[in-house]
Amino acid sequence: MDDNVIRDKSMKFAIRIVRLNQFLRDEKKEYVLSRQLLRSGTSIGANVSEAIYAFSRSDFLYKMYVAFKECSETLYWIELLYRTDYLNQSQFQSIYGDCSELRSILSSITKTTKDSE
């Protein structure tokens, strides 16, 4: 593994999302919202990985911004799952906290990158 904090955190988060998706499907018999969550939650890390190997600064910024947007969408799905009683408060707070932390890091990266242009 490398020492890239955002890559590491987004990979760990994607693993949590995959496991949450499995839980929602197997235990809660929920298939629609969990699929949306799986798509957006794993897309964060995929876009971060693409950004790391971007061919230009603007490509890097674009991919990181897409990761930020996917993270924001993921927060929406997590909150919706909580408000519809698919997640209890403890589950919600844990995964929502991790996703919020990722969004803060991505926000900082995009802002710093844009400001340095």
Protein backbone atom coordinates (compact mmCIF):
# COMPACT_ATOMS: atom_id res chain seq x y z
CA MET A 1 0.00 0.00 0.00
CA ASP A 2 1.00 3.60 -0.51
CA ASP A 3 0.85 6.52 1.93
CA ASN A 4 -1.97 8.39 0.20
CA VAL A 5 -4.44 9.29 2.97
CA ILE A 6 -7.45 10.06 0.76
CA ARG A 7 -6.92 6.91 -1.31
CA ASP A 8 -6.64 4.78 1.83
CA LYS A 9 -9.68 6.35 3.51
CA SER A 10 -11.81 6.13 0.36
CA MET A 11 -10.87 2.44 -0.08
CA LYS A 12 -11.75 1.64 3.54
CA PHE A 13 -15.00 3.54 3.12
CA ALA A 14 -15.83 1.62 -0.08
CA ILE A 15 -15.31 -1.64 1.80
CA ARG A 16 -17.73 -0.44 4.49
CA ILE A 17 -20.24 0.49 1.79
CA VAL A 18 -19.99 -2.97 0.18
CA ARG A 19 -20.55 -4.60 3.56
CA LEU A 20 -23.44 -2.25 4.36
CA ASN A 21 -24.99 -3.10 0.99
CA GLN A 22 -24.72 -6.81 1.81
CA PHE A 23 -26.35 -6.19 5.21
CA LEU A 24 -29.18 -4.16 3.70
CA ARG A 25 -29.88 -6.80 1.08
CA ASP A 26 -29.53 -9.87 3.30
CA GLU A 27 -30.98 -8.65 6.59
CA LYS A 28 -33.35 -5.84 5.61
CA LYS A 29 -34.37 -7.11 2.16
CA GLU A 30 -33.77 -3.64 0.74
CA TYR A 31 -32.56 -3.61 -2.87
CA VAL A 32 -33.22 -0.21 -4.46
CA LEU A 33 -31.68 2.35 -2.10
CA SER A 34 -28.80 0.04 -1.24
CA ARG A 35 -27.88 -0.20 -4.92
CA GLN A 36 -27.78 3.59 -5.19
CA LEU A 37 -25.63 3.72 -2.05
CA LEU A 38 -23.29 1.05 -3.45
CA ARG A 39 -22.86 2.95 -6.71
CA SER A 40 -22.13 6.36 -5.20
CA GLY A 41 -20.19 5.11 -2.18
CA THR A 42 -17.73 3.04 -4.20
CA SER A 43 -17.43 5.69 -6.89
CA ILE A 44 -15.68 8.01 -4.44
CA GLY A 45 -12.58 5.83 -4.26
CA ALA A 46 -12.65 5.04 -7.97
CA ASN A 47 -12.53 8.74 -8.82
CA VAL A 48 -9.81 9.37 -6.24
CA SER A 49 -7.76 6.58 -7.82
CA GLU A 50 -8.23 8.10 -11.26
CA ALA A 51 -7.25 11.53 -9.93
CA ILE A 52 -4.00 10.19 -8.51
CA TYR A 53 -2.97 9.21 -12.05
CA ALA A 54 -4.43 12.27 -13.75
CA PHE A 55 -2.62 13.55 -16.84
CA SER A 56 -2.97 17.21 -15.84
CA ARG A 57 -3.78 19.44 -12.89
CA SER A 58 -7.20 20.21 -14.33
CA ASP A 59 -7.90 16.49 -14.81
CA PHE A 60 -6.86 15.90 -11.19
CA LEU A 61 -9.16 18.69 -9.99
CA TYR A 62 -12.06 17.41 -12.07
CA LYS A 63 -11.76 13.83 -10.75
CA MET A 64 -11.43 15.01 -7.15
CA TYR A 65 -14.48 17.21 -7.61
CA VAL A 66 -16.45 14.25 -9.00
CA ALA A 67 -15.37 12.24 -5.92
CA PHE A 68 -16.61 15.13 -3.74
CA LYS A 69 -19.98 15.13 -5.51
CA GLU A 70 -20.30 11.34 -5.19
CA CYS A 71 -19.51 11.69 -1.50
CA SER A 72 -22.27 14.28 -1.11
CA GLU A 73 -24.70 11.96 -2.89
CA THR A 74 -23.65 9.10 -0.61
CA LEU A 75 -24.47 11.23 2.44
CA TYR A 76 -27.95 11.70 1.00
CA TRP A 77 -28.53 7.95 0.60
CA ILE A 78 -27.20 7.23 4.10
CA GLU A 79 -29.54 9.80 5.61
CA LEU A 80 -32.47 8.47 3.60
CA LEU A 81 -31.76 4.92 4.77
CA TYR A 82 -31.70 6.18 8.36
CA ARG A 83 -34.90 8.19 8.02
CA THR A 84 -36.69 5.19 6.54
CA ASP A 85 -35.54 2.95 9.41
CA TYR A 86 -33.14 0.75 7.45
CA LEU A 87 -30.26 1.98 9.62
CA ASN A 88 -30.38 2.47 13.37
CA GLN A 89 -28.89 5.57 14.97
CA SER A 90 -25.58 3.91 15.81
CA GLN A 91 -25.11 2.54 12.28
CA PHE A 92 -26.11 5.89 10.80
CA GLN A 93 -23.76 7.97 12.97
CA SER A 94 -20.80 5.70 12.27
CA ILE A 95 -21.04 5.58 8.46
CA TYR A 96 -22.30 9.15 8.14
CA GLY A 97 -19.33 10.36 10.20
CA ASP A 98 -16.86 8.53 7.98
CA CYS A 99 -18.49 9.90 4.84
CA SER A 100 -18.54 13.45 6.23
CA GLU A 101 -14.84 13.17 7.03
CA LEU A 102 -14.13 12.06 3.46
CA ARG A 103 -16.16 14.96 2.09
CA SER A 104 -14.21 17.42 4.24
CA ILE A 105 -10.89 16.05 3.00
CA LEU A 106 -12.08 16.14 -0.62
CA SER A 107 -13.35 19.69 -0.16
CA SER A 108 -9.97 20.74 1.18
CA ILE A 109 -8.13 19.03 -1.70
CA THR A 110 -10.31 20.64 -4.38
CA LYS A 111 -10.14 24.07 -2.74
CA THR A 112 -6.35 23.94 -2.29
CA THR A 113 -5.82 22.68 -5.84
CA LYS A 114 -8.08 25.35 -7.32
CA ASP A 115 -6.49 28.12 -5.27
CA SER A 116 -3.01 27.12 -6.41
CA GLU A 117 -3.85 27.48 -10.12
